[in-house]
Amino acid sequence: MRAGFDAGEVGEVLDRLEGVGLIDDEAFARQVAEHAFGTKKAGRRAVSVALAAKGVAPATAAAVIDELGGDDEQGRADELATQRVTRLGGLPPEKAFARLSAFLMRRGHAPGVARAAAKRALALDADGD
């Protein structure tokens, strides 16, 4: 290893830390996902990318996202769009729509979900479809 530690010793220490609960990848992933879904109203894709960037194993990330992400992707997008729409008041509707839907997509929402939420928040689609 680059730092000069024996791989066997490192493994033993990591196993011991995991055994006493100081290392818990699933709990870490859950905290990151809860913050992203709850506070940031992020989409599943953004949470997946964030967990991968933090080194969470793909299987652990997928399990946590499935557990916490639920089926309310549209609800999170709608809430985020409603919060954000007040900043777009002076823009023409087509420009406001483009900016709001792009913002939602950057937050990890699927394009169709983002466009639907932007339409509802801007009152461009009375029936919600």
C-alpha atoms as a PDB file:
ATOM      1  CA  MET A   1       0.000   0.000   0.000  1.00  0.00           C
ATOM      2  CA  ARG A   2       1.148   3.561  -0.652  1.00  0.00           C
ATOM      3  CA  ALA A   3       1.009   4.684   2.977  1.00  0.00           C
ATOM      4  CA  GLY A   4       3.185   1.788   4.055  1.00  0.00           C
ATOM      5  CA  PHE A   5       0.552  -0.170   5.977  1.00  0.00           C
ATOM      6  CA  ASP A   6       0.178  -3.897   5.570  1.00  0.00           C
ATOM      7  CA  ALA A   7      -3.056  -4.778   3.770  1.00  0.00           C
ATOM      8  CA  GLY A   8      -3.843  -7.481   6.325  1.00  0.00           C
ATOM      9  CA  GLU A   9      -3.526  -5.064   9.227  1.00  0.00           C
ATOM     10  CA  VAL A  10      -5.705  -2.491   7.469  1.00  0.00           C
ATOM     11  CA  GLY A  11      -8.347  -5.141   6.858  1.00  0.00           C
ATOM     12  CA  GLU A  12      -8.314  -6.200  10.501  1.00  0.00           C
ATOM     13  CA  VAL A  13      -8.691  -2.629  11.737  1.00  0.00           C
ATOM     14  CA  LEU A  14     -11.537  -1.942   9.302  1.00  0.00           C
ATOM     15  CA  ASP A  15     -13.296  -5.157  10.351  1.00  0.00           C
ATOM     16  CA  ARG A  16     -12.935  -4.200  14.020  1.00  0.00           C
ATOM     17  CA  LEU A  17     -14.295  -0.680  13.392  1.00  0.00           C
ATOM     18  CA  GLU A  18     -17.209  -2.099  11.441  1.00  0.00           C
ATOM     19  CA  GLY A  19     -17.867  -4.610  14.206  1.00  0.00           C
ATOM     20  CA  VAL A  20     -18.282  -1.898  16.825  1.00  0.00           C
ATOM     21  CA  GLY A  21     -20.459   0.210  14.533  1.00  0.00           C
ATOM     22  CA  LEU A  22     -18.022   3.002  13.683  1.00  0.00           C
ATOM     23  CA  ILE A  23     -18.127   2.163   9.979  1.00  0.00           C
ATOM     24  CA  ASP A  24     -21.562   1.621   8.491  1.00  0.00           C
ATOM     25  CA  ASP A  25     -21.848   2.290   4.757  1.00  0.00           C
ATOM     26  CA  GLU A  26     -25.589   1.719   4.709  1.00  0.00           C
ATOM     27  CA  ALA A  27     -26.228   4.216   7.526  1.00  0.00           C
ATOM     28  CA  PHE A  28     -23.981   6.750   5.793  1.00  0.00           C
ATOM     29  CA  ALA A  29     -25.780   6.236   2.484  1.00  0.00           C
ATOM     30  CA  ARG A  30     -29.139   6.579   4.224  1.00  0.00           C
ATOM     31  CA  GLN A  31     -28.126   9.928   5.787  1.00  0.00           C
ATOM     32  CA  VAL A  32     -26.887  11.308   2.473  1.00  0.00           C
ATOM     33  CA  ALA A  33     -30.047  10.140   0.667  1.00  0.00           C
ATOM     34  CA  GLU A  34     -32.400  11.455   3.361  1.00  0.00           C
ATOM     35  CA  HIS A  35     -30.797  14.885   3.126  1.00  0.00           C
ATOM     36  CA  ALA A  36     -30.886  14.911  -0.677  1.00  0.00           C
ATOM     37  CA  PHE A  37     -34.484  13.692  -0.944  1.00  0.00           C
ATOM     38  CA  GLY A  38     -35.804  15.672   2.011  1.00  0.00           C
ATOM     39  CA  THR A  39     -33.967  18.985   2.056  1.00  0.00           C
ATOM     40  CA  LYS A  40     -32.817  19.360  -1.527  1.00  0.00           C
ATOM     41  CA  LYS A  41     -35.859  17.627  -3.088  1.00  0.00           C
ATOM     42  CA  ALA A  42     -33.380  15.885  -5.387  1.00  0.00           C
ATOM     43  CA  GLY A  43     -34.283  13.262  -7.934  1.00  0.00           C
ATOM     44  CA  ARG A  44     -33.199   9.646  -7.788  1.00  0.00           C
ATOM     45  CA  ARG A  45     -30.499  10.158 -10.414  1.00  0.00           C
ATOM     46  CA  ALA A  46     -28.831  12.975  -8.443  1.00  0.00           C
ATOM     47  CA  VAL A  47     -28.860  10.923  -5.245  1.00  0.00           C
ATOM     48  CA  SER A  48     -27.346   7.969  -7.074  1.00  0.00           C
ATOM     49  CA  VAL A  49     -24.542  10.146  -8.454  1.00  0.00           C
ATOM     50  CA  ALA A  50     -23.901  11.695  -5.030  1.00  0.00           C
ATOM     51  CA  LEU A  51     -23.647   8.306  -3.356  1.00  0.00           C
ATOM     52  CA  ALA A  52     -21.310   6.990  -6.057  1.00  0.00           C
ATOM     53  CA  ALA A  53     -19.109  10.087  -5.672  1.00  0.00           C
ATOM     54  CA  LYS A  54     -18.875   9.380  -1.942  1.00  0.00           C
ATOM     55  CA  GLY A  55     -17.723   5.818  -2.603  1.00  0.00           C
ATOM     56  CA  VAL A  56     -20.898   3.972  -1.646  1.00  0.00           C
ATOM     57  CA  ALA A  57     -21.135   0.565  -3.313  1.00  0.00           C
ATOM     58  CA  PRO A  58     -23.688   0.477  -6.152  1.00  0.00           C
ATOM     59  CA  ALA A  59     -25.766  -2.268  -4.494  1.00  0.00           C
ATOM     60  CA  THR A  60     -25.942  -0.356  -1.206  1.00  0.00           C
ATOM     61  CA  ALA A  61     -26.823   2.875  -3.009  1.00  0.00           C
ATOM     62  CA  ALA A  62     -29.567   1.187  -5.036  1.00  0.00           C
ATOM     63  CA  ALA A  63     -31.095  -0.394  -1.940  1.00  0.00           C
ATOM     64  CA  VAL A  64     -31.142   2.898  -0.024  1.00  0.00           C
ATOM     65  CA  ILE A  65     -32.548   4.841  -2.994  1.00  0.00           C
ATOM     66  CA  ASP A  66     -35.274   2.251  -3.497  1.00  0.00           C
ATOM     67  CA  GLU A  67     -36.121   2.398   0.206  1.00  0.00           C
ATOM     68  CA  LEU A  68     -36.090   6.171   0.633  1.00  0.00           C
ATOM     69  CA  GLY A  69     -36.776   7.462  -2.868  1.00  0.00           C
ATOM     70  CA  GLY A  70     -40.231   6.015  -2.918  1.00  0.00           C
ATOM     71  CA  ASP A  71     -42.582   6.634  -5.777  1.00  0.00           C
ATOM     72  CA  ASP A  72     -42.976  10.348  -5.078  1.00  0.00           C
ATOM     73  CA  GLU A  73     -40.420  11.674  -7.570  1.00  0.00           C
ATOM     74  CA  GLN A  74     -43.103  13.868  -9.127  1.00  0.00           C
ATOM     75  CA  GLY A  75     -44.162  15.163  -5.721  1.00  0.00           C
ATOM     76  CA  ARG A  76     -40.600  16.236  -4.867  1.00  0.00           C
ATOM     77  CA  ALA A  77     -40.222  17.886  -8.271  1.00  0.00           C
ATOM     78  CA  ASP A  78     -43.549  19.694  -7.867  1.00  0.00           C
ATOM     79  CA  GLU A  79     -42.572  20.969  -4.423  1.00  0.00           C
ATOM     80  CA  LEU A  80     -39.174  22.165  -5.611  1.00  0.00           C
ATOM     81  CA  ALA A  81     -40.711  23.835  -8.677  1.00  0.00           C
ATOM     82  CA  THR A  82     -43.278  25.616  -6.518  1.00  0.00           C
ATOM     83  CA  GLN A  83     -40.516  26.901  -4.226  1.00  0.00           C
ATOM     84  CA  ARG A  84     -38.385  28.070  -7.158  1.00  0.00           C
ATOM     85  CA  VAL A  85     -41.067  29.616  -9.393  1.00  0.00           C
ATOM     86  CA  THR A  86     -41.213  32.855  -7.389  1.00  0.00           C
ATOM     87  CA  ARG A  87     -37.730  33.737  -8.678  1.00  0.00           C
ATOM     88  CA  LEU A  88     -38.923  33.659 -12.279  1.00  0.00           C
ATOM     89  CA  GLY A  89     -41.791  36.137 -12.057  1.00  0.00           C
ATOM     90  CA  GLY A  90     -40.466  38.738 -14.495  1.00  0.00           C
ATOM     91  CA  LEU A  91     -39.637  36.320 -17.291  1.00  0.00           C
ATOM     92  CA  PRO A  92     -41.776  35.421 -20.300  1.00  0.00           C
ATOM     93  CA  PRO A  93     -43.530  32.067 -19.769  1.00  0.00           C
ATOM     94  CA  GLU A  94     -41.412  30.132 -22.294  1.00  0.00           C
ATOM     95  CA  LYS A  95     -38.150  31.383 -20.751  1.00  0.00           C
ATOM     96  CA  ALA A  96     -39.380  30.707 -17.207  1.00  0.00           C
ATOM     97  CA  PHE A  97     -40.416  27.199 -18.267  1.00  0.00           C
ATOM     98  CA  ALA A  98     -37.015  26.513 -19.843  1.00  0.00           C
ATOM     99  CA  ARG A  99     -35.127  27.741 -16.781  1.00  0.00           C
ATOM    100  CA  LEU A 100     -37.320  25.952 -14.262  1.00  0.00           C
ATOM    101  CA  SER A 101     -37.333  22.628 -16.084  1.00  0.00           C
ATOM    102  CA  ALA A 102     -33.536  22.834 -16.598  1.00  0.00           C
ATOM    103  CA  PHE A 103     -33.089  23.553 -12.880  1.00  0.00           C
ATOM    104  CA  LEU A 104     -35.194  20.511 -11.973  1.00  0.00           C
ATOM    105  CA  MET A 105     -33.229  18.294 -14.349  1.00  0.00           C
ATOM    106  CA  ARG A 106     -29.959  19.507 -12.798  1.00  0.00           C
ATOM    107  CA  ARG A 107     -31.382  18.420  -9.454  1.00  0.00           C
ATOM    108  CA  GLY A 108     -31.663  14.904 -10.858  1.00  0.00           C
ATOM    109  CA  HIS A 109     -35.284  14.733 -11.941  1.00  0.00           C
ATOM    110  CA  ALA A 110     -36.111  12.951 -15.188  1.00  0.00           C
ATOM    111  CA  PRO A 111     -36.909  15.292 -18.089  1.00  0.00           C
ATOM    112  CA  GLY A 112     -40.600  14.349 -18.242  1.00  0.00           C
ATOM    113  CA  VAL A 113     -40.995  14.766 -14.495  1.00  0.00           C
ATOM    114  CA  ALA A 114     -39.202  18.136 -14.602  1.00  0.00           C
ATOM    115  CA  ARG A 115     -41.278  19.470 -17.484  1.00  0.00           C
ATOM    116  CA  ALA A 116     -44.550  18.403 -15.863  1.00  0.00           C
ATOM    117  CA  ALA A 117     -43.588  20.044 -12.562  1.00  0.00           C
ATOM    118  CA  ALA A 118     -42.504  23.245 -14.319  1.00  0.00           C
ATOM    119  CA  LYS A 119     -45.796  23.418 -16.245  1.00  0.00           C
ATOM    120  CA  ARG A 120     -47.827  23.018 -13.054  1.00  0.00           C
ATOM    121  CA  ALA A 121     -45.759  25.520 -11.070  1.00  0.00           C
ATOM    122  CA  LEU A 122     -46.041  28.111 -13.833  1.00  0.00           C
ATOM    123  CA  ALA A 123     -49.751  27.361 -14.328  1.00  0.00           C
ATOM    124  CA  LEU A 124     -49.123  26.561 -17.973  1.00  0.00           C
ATOM    125  CA  ASP A 125     -51.148  23.362 -17.826  1.00  0.00           C
ATOM    126  CA  ALA A 126     -54.432  23.593 -15.975  1.00  0.00           C
ATOM    127  CA  ASP A 127     -55.152  19.855 -15.839  1.00  0.00           C
ATOM    128  CA  GLY A 128     -51.670  18.833 -14.572  1.00  0.00           C
ATOM    129  CA  ASP A 129     -50.697  16.645 -17.549  1.00  0.00           C
END
